[in-house]
Amino acid sequence: MPTAFKSLARSCGLAALAASMFVFASPSAYAEEDMWPILKEQTFGDRAISEEDGLVVLETPSKIEDAALVPLTVRVPPSVKGKIKSLTLIIDNNPDPKVATLNFGPAAGTGGERSFSTRVRVDNFSHVRAILETEDGSLHMTKKFLAAAGGCAAMQAKDPDADTADMGKMIVRKFTPALESSPVWAAQVMVKHPNHNGMQLDINTAEFIPAQFVKEMKVTRDGELVFKLDGTFSISTNPNFRFTFGRGDENSLDVVITDTDGTVFEGQSQPKGS
């Protein structure tokens, strides 16, 4: 057996042993060292953060089937009025804890229930945090515990070349609100991209697949900024984003995505009446 595969087999054996231990230990046993104080200082310095004050809500699944594909939804309740400045998602125990930071523009809206959803990789049992910055510059955080592991180094079961076929193909959808008076519309952006993180093995070669992932997404509505997202490899393969935006005249969306190789992909929503 080639040396690379022997190492792989040993790794898989250790992973199986670790998985069997999950049955006998509570999730809190895997929280390990509390990384949040360090992450907080690195990301926000000495700024005060209000916790669980209801200004931001985080939804996660009660049971996680696939640690490489964990859905997260962040909501800002209608009771929060005015502009929001930024949203940061952090998974404490991921190799790169920051999932993404969104910086909002004037087309993000100033009322109604605003939201953002995506799918993430979880490397080890961890808290996930959503930190919202409001118009006055104050920070507000909520968190949930994710009982999942192995999502970042999950082995590549497919042909990597097939994964990159049609890379950048994008679908941009917008959804008319049920109530005509609603100040926000909803949208979805789906892009074909492997989002390789550099820690995944190609089972055909037993070599690591080079990192290549979406690092920036800019969304505009009728030419005005909805948000600019700075992302990391913690976002799952074939990134899928759902979000709200403020009602405009035409509600035409343009999306520009840039990956770590500098490749740029563009997409647009269909014109009104199409």
C-alpha atoms as a PDB file:
ATOM      1  CA  MET A   1       0.000   0.000   0.000  1.00  0.00           C
ATOM      2  CA  PRO A   2       1.471   3.442  -0.895  1.00  0.00           C
ATOM      3  CA  THR A   3       2.681   5.490   2.079  1.00  0.00           C
ATOM      4  CA  ALA A   4       0.144   8.252   1.421  1.00  0.00           C
ATOM      5  CA  PHE A   5      -2.723   5.769   1.605  1.00  0.00           C
ATOM      6  CA  LYS A   6      -1.325   4.171   4.789  1.00  0.00           C
ATOM      7  CA  SER A   7      -1.325   7.599   6.401  1.00  0.00           C
ATOM      8  CA  LEU A   8      -4.818   8.178   5.123  1.00  0.00           C
ATOM      9  CA  ALA A   9      -5.993   4.856   6.557  1.00  0.00           C
ATOM     10  CA  ARG A  10      -4.476   5.684   9.948  1.00  0.00           C
ATOM     11  CA  SER A  11      -6.193   9.091   9.863  1.00  0.00           C
ATOM     12  CA  CYS A  12      -9.512   7.506   9.013  1.00  0.00           C
ATOM     13  CA  GLY A  13      -9.049   4.998  11.864  1.00  0.00           C
ATOM     14  CA  LEU A  14      -8.402   7.777  14.333  1.00  0.00           C
ATOM     15  CA  ALA A  15     -11.397   9.677  12.997  1.00  0.00           C
ATOM     16  CA  ALA A  16     -13.597   6.621  13.490  1.00  0.00           C
ATOM     17  CA  LEU A  17     -12.340   6.246  17.057  1.00  0.00           C
ATOM     18  CA  ALA A  18     -13.040   9.898  17.765  1.00  0.00           C
ATOM     19  CA  ALA A  19     -16.503   9.572  16.261  1.00  0.00           C
ATOM     20  CA  SER A  20     -17.275   6.594  18.509  1.00  0.00           C
ATOM     21  CA  MET A  21     -16.297   8.657  21.545  1.00  0.00           C
ATOM     22  CA  PHE A  22     -18.946  11.265  20.663  1.00  0.00           C
ATOM     23  CA  VAL A  23     -21.538   8.776  21.880  1.00  0.00           C
ATOM     24  CA  PHE A  24     -20.109   8.814  25.395  1.00  0.00           C
ATOM     25  CA  ALA A  25     -19.270  12.484  25.806  1.00  0.00           C
ATOM     26  CA  SER A  26     -21.452  15.557  25.949  1.00  0.00           C
ATOM     27  CA  PRO A  27     -21.001  18.267  23.274  1.00  0.00           C
ATOM     28  CA  SER A  28     -19.659  20.651  25.904  1.00  0.00           C
ATOM     29  CA  ALA A  29     -16.658  18.349  26.338  1.00  0.00           C
ATOM     30  CA  TYR A  30     -15.510  19.363  22.862  1.00  0.00           C
ATOM     31  CA  ALA A  31     -15.676  23.098  23.434  1.00  0.00           C
ATOM     32  CA  GLU A  32     -11.981  22.893  24.449  1.00  0.00           C
ATOM     33  CA  GLU A  33     -10.233  26.212  25.044  1.00  0.00           C
ATOM     34  CA  ASP A  34     -12.473  29.264  24.932  1.00  0.00           C
ATOM     35  CA  MET A  35     -11.184  31.057  21.847  1.00  0.00           C
ATOM     36  CA  TRP A  36     -13.741  33.864  21.904  1.00  0.00           C
ATOM     37  CA  PRO A  37     -11.778  36.393  24.031  1.00  0.00           C
ATOM     38  CA  ILE A  38      -8.880  36.178  21.572  1.00  0.00           C
ATOM     39  CA  LEU A  39     -11.134  36.282  18.516  1.00  0.00           C
ATOM     40  CA  LYS A  40     -13.068  39.225  19.922  1.00  0.00           C
ATOM     41  CA  GLU A  41      -9.898  41.240  20.487  1.00  0.00           C
ATOM     42  CA  GLN A  42      -8.546  40.390  17.024  1.00  0.00           C
ATOM     43  CA  THR A  43     -11.798  41.293  15.273  1.00  0.00           C
ATOM     44  CA  PHE A  44     -13.308  44.103  17.340  1.00  0.00           C
ATOM     45  CA  GLY A  45     -10.541  45.295  19.632  1.00  0.00           C
ATOM     46  CA  ASP A  46     -11.815  46.673  22.933  1.00  0.00           C
ATOM     47  CA  ARG A  47     -15.261  47.594  21.623  1.00  0.00           C
ATOM     48  CA  ALA A  48     -18.175  46.600  23.852  1.00  0.00           C
ATOM     49  CA  ILE A  49     -20.534  43.916  22.536  1.00  0.00           C
ATOM     50  CA  SER A  50     -24.080  43.488  23.880  1.00  0.00           C
ATOM     51  CA  GLU A  51     -25.063  39.805  24.028  1.00  0.00           C
ATOM     52  CA  GLU A  52     -28.483  38.255  23.473  1.00  0.00           C
ATOM     53  CA  ASP A  53     -30.344  41.578  23.530  1.00  0.00           C
ATOM     54  CA  GLY A  54     -32.762  40.563  20.747  1.00  0.00           C
ATOM     55  CA  LEU A  55     -31.397  42.839  18.037  1.00  0.00           C
ATOM     56  CA  VAL A  56     -30.012  39.881  16.091  1.00  0.00           C
ATOM     57  CA  VAL A  57     -31.346  36.309  15.870  1.00  0.00           C
ATOM     58  CA  LEU A  58     -29.393  33.230  14.714  1.00  0.00           C
ATOM     59  CA  GLU A  59     -31.074  30.063  13.434  1.00  0.00           C
ATOM     60  CA  THR A  60     -29.186  26.758  13.180  1.00  0.00           C
ATOM     61  CA  PRO A  61     -30.384  23.161  12.661  1.00  0.00           C
ATOM     62  CA  SER A  62     -31.148  21.108  15.775  1.00  0.00           C
ATOM     63  CA  LYS A  63     -29.491  18.086  14.149  1.00  0.00           C
ATOM     64  CA  ILE A  64     -26.624  18.387  11.684  1.00  0.00           C
ATOM     65  CA  GLU A  65     -26.453  15.683   9.016  1.00  0.00           C
ATOM     66  CA  ASP A  66     -23.392  16.969   7.151  1.00  0.00           C
ATOM     67  CA  ALA A  67     -20.722  19.104   8.836  1.00  0.00           C
ATOM     68  CA  ALA A  68     -19.574  20.343   5.413  1.00  0.00           C
ATOM     69  CA  LEU A  69     -23.029  21.735   4.637  1.00  0.00           C
ATOM     70  CA  VAL A  70     -24.551  23.432   7.687  1.00  0.00           C
ATOM     71  CA  PRO A  71     -27.277  26.040   7.023  1.00  0.00           C
ATOM     72  CA  LEU A  72     -27.233  29.271   9.040  1.00  0.00           C
ATOM     73  CA  THR A  73     -29.769  32.101   8.996  1.00  0.00           C
ATOM     74  CA  VAL A  74     -29.370  35.502  10.652  1.00  0.00           C
ATOM     75  CA  ARG A  75     -32.417  37.712  11.167  1.00  0.00           C
ATOM     76  CA  VAL A  76     -32.750  41.329  12.228  1.00  0.00           C
ATOM     77  CA  PRO A  77     -36.263  41.792  13.691  1.00  0.00           C
ATOM     78  CA  PRO A  78     -38.591  44.521  12.358  1.00  0.00           C
ATOM     79  CA  SER A  79     -38.308  46.243  15.741  1.00  0.00           C
ATOM     80  CA  VAL A  80     -34.759  47.259  14.723  1.00  0.00           C
ATOM     81  CA  LYS A  81     -35.193  50.505  12.789  1.00  0.00           C
ATOM     82  CA  GLY A  82     -32.760  52.342  10.572  1.00  0.00           C
ATOM     83  CA  LYS A  83     -29.669  51.215   8.712  1.00  0.00           C
ATOM     84  CA  ILE A  84     -27.412  48.361   9.713  1.00  0.00           C
ATOM     85  CA  LYS A  85     -23.691  48.737   9.073  1.00  0.00           C
ATOM     86  CA  SER A  86     -22.211  45.245   9.162  1.00  0.00           C
ATOM     87  CA  LEU A  87     -22.693  41.587  10.040  1.00  0.00           C
ATOM     88  CA  THR A  88     -19.871  39.219  11.024  1.00  0.00           C
ATOM     89  CA  LEU A  89     -20.197  35.423  11.280  1.00  0.00           C
ATOM     90  CA  ILE A  90     -17.625  33.536  13.375  1.00  0.00           C
ATOM     91  CA  ILE A  91     -17.183  29.813  14.101  1.00  0.00           C
ATOM     92  CA  ASP A  92     -14.806  29.745  17.073  1.00  0.00           C
ATOM     93  CA  ASN A  93     -13.035  26.434  16.409  1.00  0.00           C
ATOM     94  CA  ASN A  94     -12.719  26.548  12.623  1.00  0.00           C
ATOM     95  CA  PRO A  95      -9.216  26.803  11.092  1.00  0.00           C
ATOM     96  CA  ASP A  96     -10.269  30.271   9.911  1.00  0.00           C
ATOM     97  CA  PRO A  97     -12.860  31.299  12.499  1.00  0.00           C
ATOM     98  CA  LYS A  98     -14.281  34.146  10.454  1.00  0.00           C
ATOM     99  CA  VAL A  99     -16.882  32.842   8.013  1.00  0.00           C
ATOM    100  CA  ALA A 100     -17.743  36.184   6.442  1.00  0.00           C
ATOM    101  CA  THR A 101     -18.192  39.887   7.085  1.00  0.00           C
ATOM    102  CA  LEU A 102     -20.914  41.791   5.263  1.00  0.00           C
ATOM    103  CA  ASN A 103     -20.706  45.556   4.968  1.00  0.00           C
ATOM    104  CA  PHE A 104     -24.102  46.990   4.048  1.00  0.00           C
ATOM    105  CA  GLY A 105     -24.912  49.843   1.696  1.00  0.00           C
ATOM    106  CA  PRO A 106     -27.953  52.102   1.200  1.00  0.00           C
ATOM    107  CA  ALA A 107     -29.887  49.443  -0.760  1.00  0.00           C
ATOM    108  CA  ALA A 108     -29.866  47.020   2.205  1.00  0.00           C
ATOM    109  CA  GLY A 109     -33.053  48.656   3.513  1.00  0.00           C
ATOM    110  CA  THR A 110     -33.959  50.400   6.742  1.00  0.00           C
ATOM    111  CA  GLY A 111     -36.959  48.417   7.992  1.00  0.00           C
ATOM    112  CA  GLY A 112     -38.903  45.179   7.941  1.00  0.00           C
ATOM    113  CA  GLU A 113     -37.316  41.834   8.831  1.00  0.00           C
ATOM    114  CA  ARG A 114     -33.887  41.787   7.243  1.00  0.00           C
ATOM    115  CA  SER A 115     -32.054  38.483   6.908  1.00  0.00           C
ATOM    116  CA  PHE A 116     -29.042  36.649   5.503  1.00  0.00           C
ATOM    117  CA  SER A 117     -28.564  32.887   5.042  1.00  0.00           C
ATOM    118  CA  THR A 118     -25.746  30.683   3.813  1.00  0.00           C
ATOM    119  CA  ARG A 119     -24.199  27.219   4.320  1.00  0.00           C
ATOM    120  CA  VAL A 120     -20.951  26.647   6.192  1.00  0.00           C
ATOM    121  CA  ARG A 121     -18.322  24.042   7.071  1.00  0.00           C
ATOM    122  CA  VAL A 122     -17.790  23.140  10.723  1.00  0.00           C
ATOM    123  CA  ASP A 123     -14.401  21.658  11.608  1.00  0.00           C
ATOM    124  CA  ASN A 124     -15.007  20.873  15.287  1.00  0.00           C
ATOM    125  CA  PHE A 125     -17.718  21.218  17.918  1.00  0.00           C
ATOM    126  CA  SER A 126     -18.002  24.963  18.299  1.00  0.00           C
ATOM    127  CA  HIS A 127     -20.053  28.047  18.980  1.00  0.00           C
ATOM    128  CA  VAL A 128     -21.127  30.046  15.943  1.00  0.00           C
ATOM    129  CA  ARG A 129     -21.641  33.761  16.495  1.00  0.00           C
ATOM    130  CA  ALA A 130     -23.467  36.488  14.602  1.00  0.00           C
ATOM    131  CA  ILE A 131     -22.311  40.012  15.450  1.00  0.00           C
ATOM    132  CA  LEU A 132     -24.426  42.884  14.126  1.00  0.00           C
ATOM    133  CA  GLU A 133     -23.240  46.480  13.932  1.00  0.00           C
ATOM    134  CA  THR A 134     -26.094  49.002  13.930  1.00  0.00           C
ATOM    135  CA  GLU A 135     -26.185  52.509  12.530  1.00  0.00           C
ATOM    136  CA  ASP A 136     -24.910  54.072  15.763  1.00  0.00           C
ATOM    137  CA  GLY A 137     -21.820  51.827  15.708  1.00  0.00           C
ATOM    138  CA  SER A 138     -22.872  49.588  18.601  1.00  0.00           C
ATOM    139  CA  LEU A 139     -22.283  45.818  18.413  1.00  0.00           C
ATOM    140  CA  HIS A 140     -24.845  43.120  19.237  1.00  0.00           C
ATOM    141  CA  MET A 141     -24.149  39.382  19.372  1.00  0.00           C
ATOM    142  CA  THR A 142     -26.027  36.114  19.532  1.00  0.00           C
ATOM    143  CA  LYS A 143     -24.557  32.599  19.460  1.00  0.00           C
ATOM    144  CA  LYS A 144     -25.492  28.935  19.042  1.00  0.00           C
ATOM    145  CA  PHE A 145     -23.580  25.699  19.662  1.00  0.00           C
ATOM    146  CA  LEU A 146     -22.939  23.448  16.663  1.00  0.00           C
ATOM    147  CA  ALA A 147     -22.479  19.739  17.457  1.00  0.00           C
ATOM    148  CA  ALA A 148     -20.638  18.838  14.263  1.00  0.00           C
ATOM    149  CA  ALA A 149     -17.090  18.024  13.201  1.00  0.00           C
ATOM    150  CA  GLY A 150     -14.971  17.147  10.154  1.00  0.00           C
ATOM    151  CA  GLY A 151     -16.589  19.527   7.672  1.00  0.00           C
ATOM    152  CA  CYS A 152     -13.418  21.369   6.691  1.00  0.00           C
ATOM    153  CA  ALA A 153     -11.241  18.338   5.870  1.00  0.00           C
ATOM    154  CA  ALA A 154     -14.016  16.137   4.454  1.00  0.00           C
ATOM    155  CA  MET A 155     -12.485  14.031   1.664  1.00  0.00           C
ATOM    156  CA  GLN A 156     -13.250  14.935  -1.911  1.00  0.00           C
ATOM    157  CA  ALA A 157     -15.410  12.076  -3.201  1.00  0.00           C
ATOM    158  CA  LYS A 158     -15.734  13.427  -6.725  1.00  0.00           C
ATOM    159  CA  ASP A 159     -13.369  14.164  -9.552  1.00  0.00           C
ATOM    160  CA  PRO A 160     -11.901  17.637  -8.818  1.00  0.00           C
ATOM    161  CA  ASP A 161     -11.941  18.401 -12.544  1.00  0.00           C
ATOM    162  CA  ALA A 162     -15.676  17.747 -12.631  1.00  0.00           C
ATOM    163  CA  ASP A 163     -16.090  20.035  -9.633  1.00  0.00           C
ATOM    164  CA  THR A 164     -14.561  22.912 -11.567  1.00  0.00           C
ATOM    165  CA  ALA A 165     -16.595  22.329 -14.745  1.00  0.00           C
ATOM    166  CA  ASP A 166     -18.930  25.293 -15.319  1.00  0.00           C
ATOM    167  CA  MET A 167     -17.238  27.072 -12.415  1.00  0.00           C
ATOM    168  CA  GLY A 168     -18.753  30.496 -11.932  1.00  0.00           C
ATOM    169  CA  LYS A 169     -22.137  29.608 -13.369  1.00  0.00           C
ATOM    170  CA  MET A 170     -24.516  31.763 -11.363  1.00  0.00           C
ATOM    171  CA  ILE A 171     -28.239  31.978 -10.712  1.00  0.00           C
ATOM    172  CA  VAL A 172     -29.628  35.222  -9.261  1.00  0.00           C
ATOM    173  CA  ARG A 173     -33.267  35.200  -8.182  1.00  0.00           C
ATOM    174  CA  LYS A 174     -35.438  37.821  -6.552  1.00  0.00           C
ATOM    175  CA  PHE A 175     -38.748  37.248  -4.803  1.00  0.00           C
ATOM    176  CA  THR A 176     -41.638  39.691  -4.658  1.00  0.00           C
ATOM    177  CA  PRO A 177     -42.960  40.098  -1.086  1.00  0.00           C
ATOM    178  CA  ALA A 178     -46.445  38.824  -0.262  1.00  0.00           C
ATOM    179  CA  LEU A 179     -47.413  42.258   1.060  1.00  0.00           C
ATOM    180  CA  GLU A 180     -47.167  45.149  -1.362  1.00  0.00           C
ATOM    181  CA  SER A 181     -46.321  47.437   1.557  1.00  0.00           C
ATOM    182  CA  SER A 182     -43.264  45.411   2.599  1.00  0.00           C
ATOM    183  CA  PRO A 183     -40.111  47.563   2.653  1.00  0.00           C
ATOM    184  CA  VAL A 184     -37.865  44.612   1.736  1.00  0.00           C
ATOM    185  CA  TRP A 185     -37.639  42.055  -1.047  1.00  0.00           C
ATOM    186  CA  ALA A 186     -35.812  38.727  -0.889  1.00  0.00           C
ATOM    187  CA  ALA A 187     -33.170  37.291  -3.205  1.00  0.00           C
ATOM    188  CA  GLN A 188     -31.015  34.225  -3.724  1.00  0.00           C
ATOM    189  CA  VAL A 189     -27.573  33.869  -5.296  1.00  0.00           C
ATOM    190  CA  MET A 190     -26.225  30.419  -6.175  1.00  0.00           C
ATOM    191  CA  VAL A 191     -22.798  30.006  -7.741  1.00  0.00           C
ATOM    192  CA  LYS A 192     -21.019  26.883  -8.981  1.00  0.00           C
ATOM    193  CA  HIS A 193     -17.658  26.893  -7.204  1.00  0.00           C
ATOM    194  CA  PRO A 194     -15.808  24.105  -5.331  1.00  0.00           C
ATOM    195  CA  ASN A 195     -14.634  26.482  -2.577  1.00  0.00           C
ATOM    196  CA  HIS A 196     -11.638  24.232  -1.941  1.00  0.00           C
ATOM    197  CA  ASN A 197      -9.955  25.079   1.360  1.00  0.00           C
ATOM    198  CA  GLY A 198      -6.590  23.341   0.894  1.00  0.00           C
ATOM    199  CA  MET A 199      -7.318  20.695   3.542  1.00  0.00           C
ATOM    200  CA  GLN A 200      -9.264  18.237   1.386  1.00  0.00           C
ATOM    201  CA  LEU A 201      -7.705  15.108  -0.107  1.00  0.00           C
ATOM    202  CA  ASP A 202      -8.306  13.981  -3.657  1.00  0.00           C
ATOM    203  CA  ILE A 203      -9.110  10.273  -3.221  1.00  0.00           C
ATOM    204  CA  ASN A 204      -7.700   9.562  -6.693  1.00  0.00           C
ATOM    205  CA  THR A 205      -4.226  10.931  -5.924  1.00  0.00           C
ATOM    206  CA  ALA A 206      -4.141  11.112  -2.064  1.00  0.00           C
ATOM    207  CA  GLU A 207      -2.832  14.656  -2.503  1.00  0.00           C
ATOM    208  CA  PHE A 208      -4.295  17.862  -1.101  1.00  0.00           C
ATOM    209  CA  ILE A 209      -6.439  19.883  -3.480  1.00  0.00           C
ATOM    210  CA  PRO A 210      -5.111  23.462  -3.745  1.00  0.00           C
ATOM    211  CA  ALA A 211      -7.207  26.119  -2.034  1.00  0.00           C
ATOM    212  CA  GLN A 212      -9.500  28.164  -4.239  1.00  0.00           C
ATOM    213  CA  PHE A 213     -12.584  29.795  -2.796  1.00  0.00           C
ATOM    214  CA  VAL A 214     -14.921  32.764  -3.077  1.00  0.00           C
ATOM    215  CA  LYS A 215     -13.376  35.676  -1.187  1.00  0.00           C
ATOM    216  CA  GLU A 216     -15.622  38.576  -2.198  1.00  0.00           C
ATOM    217  CA  MET A 217     -19.193  39.117  -3.381  1.00  0.00           C
ATOM    218  CA  LYS A 218     -20.691  42.505  -4.181  1.00  0.00           C
ATOM    219  CA  VAL A 219     -24.452  42.867  -4.622  1.00  0.00           C
ATOM    220  CA  THR A 220     -26.089  46.021  -5.979  1.00  0.00           C
ATOM    221  CA  ARG A 221     -29.748  46.923  -6.517  1.00  0.00           C
ATOM    222  CA  ASP A 222     -30.500  49.464  -9.229  1.00  0.00           C
ATOM    223  CA  GLY A 223     -26.843  50.484  -9.054  1.00  0.00           C
ATOM    224  CA  GLU A 224     -26.774  50.998  -5.265  1.00  0.00           C
ATOM    225  CA  LEU A 225     -24.857  48.757  -2.875  1.00  0.00           C
ATOM    226  CA  VAL A 226     -26.821  46.137  -0.943  1.00  0.00           C
ATOM    227  CA  PHE A 227     -23.704  44.620   0.652  1.00  0.00           C
ATOM    228  CA  LYS A 228     -20.125  43.598   0.051  1.00  0.00           C
ATOM    229  CA  LEU A 229     -19.224  40.201   1.515  1.00  0.00           C
ATOM    230  CA  ASP A 230     -15.669  39.245   2.454  1.00  0.00           C
ATOM    231  CA  GLY A 231     -15.676  35.443   2.747  1.00  0.00           C
ATOM    232  CA  THR A 232     -13.396  32.567   3.702  1.00  0.00           C
ATOM    233  CA  PHE A 233     -13.188  28.828   3.014  1.00  0.00           C
ATOM    234  CA  SER A 234     -15.622  28.230   5.892  1.00  0.00           C
ATOM    235  CA  ILE A 235     -18.386  28.783   3.329  1.00  0.00           C
ATOM    236  CA  SER A 236     -19.527  25.491   1.808  1.00  0.00           C
ATOM    237  CA  THR A 237     -18.936  24.169  -1.699  1.00  0.00           C
ATOM    238  CA  ASN A 238     -21.210  25.766  -4.317  1.00  0.00           C
ATOM    239  CA  PRO A 239     -22.008  28.837  -2.200  1.00  0.00           C
ATOM    240  CA  ASN A 240     -25.694  29.573  -1.719  1.00  0.00           C
ATOM    241  CA  PHE A 241     -26.829  32.898  -0.269  1.00  0.00           C
ATOM    242  CA  ARG A 242     -30.321  34.145   0.558  1.00  0.00           C
ATOM    243  CA  PHE A 243     -30.823  37.708   1.732  1.00  0.00           C
ATOM    244  CA  THR A 244     -33.175  40.664   1.823  1.00  0.00           C
ATOM    245  CA  PHE A 245     -32.718  44.062   0.222  1.00  0.00           C
ATOM    246  CA  GLY A 246     -34.561  47.357   0.353  1.00  0.00           C
ATOM    247  CA  ARG A 247     -37.354  47.970  -2.139  1.00  0.00           C
ATOM    248  CA  GLY A 248     -36.242  50.024  -5.134  1.00  0.00           C
ATOM    249  CA  ASP A 249     -37.653  51.306  -8.419  1.00  0.00           C
ATOM    250  CA  GLU A 250     -36.700  48.405 -10.676  1.00  0.00           C
ATOM    251  CA  ASN A 251     -35.297  46.026  -8.035  1.00  0.00           C
ATOM    252  CA  SER A 252     -32.678  44.878 -10.532  1.00  0.00           C
ATOM    253  CA  LEU A 253     -29.803  42.971  -8.910  1.00  0.00           C
ATOM    254  CA  ASP A 254     -26.216  42.741 -10.136  1.00  0.00           C
ATOM    255  CA  VAL A 255     -23.727  40.370  -8.497  1.00  0.00           C
ATOM    256  CA  VAL A 256     -19.934  40.325  -8.885  1.00  0.00           C
ATOM    257  CA  ILE A 257     -17.968  37.495  -7.272  1.00  0.00           C
ATOM    258  CA  THR A 258     -14.164  37.251  -7.039  1.00  0.00           C
ATOM    259  CA  ASP A 259     -12.292  34.133  -5.913  1.00  0.00           C
ATOM    260  CA  THR A 260      -8.809  33.693  -4.468  1.00  0.00           C
ATOM    261  CA  ASP A 261      -7.344  33.081  -7.941  1.00  0.00           C
ATOM    262  CA  GLY A 262      -8.574  36.532  -8.987  1.00  0.00           C
ATOM    263  CA  THR A 263     -11.234  35.080 -11.289  1.00  0.00           C
ATOM    264  CA  VAL A 264     -14.320  37.283 -11.554  1.00  0.00           C
ATOM    265  CA  PHE A 265     -17.849  35.973 -12.121  1.00  0.00           C
ATOM    266  CA  GLU A 266     -20.897  38.138 -12.817  1.00  0.00           C
ATOM    267  CA  GLY A 267     -24.645  37.538 -12.657  1.00  0.00           C
ATOM    268  CA  GLN A 268     -27.862  39.513 -12.898  1.00  0.00           C
ATOM    269  CA  SER A 269     -31.468  38.999 -11.898  1.00  0.00           C
ATOM    270  CA  GLN A 270     -34.013  38.699 -14.682  1.00  0.00           C
ATOM    271  CA  PRO A 271     -35.646  41.989 -15.788  1.00  0.00           C
ATOM    272  CA  LYS A 272     -39.134  42.829 -14.602  1.00  0.00           C
ATOM    273  CA  GLY A 273     -41.774  40.924 -16.553  1.00  0.00           C
ATOM    274  CA  SER A 274     -39.379  38.243 -17.849  1.00  0.00           C
END
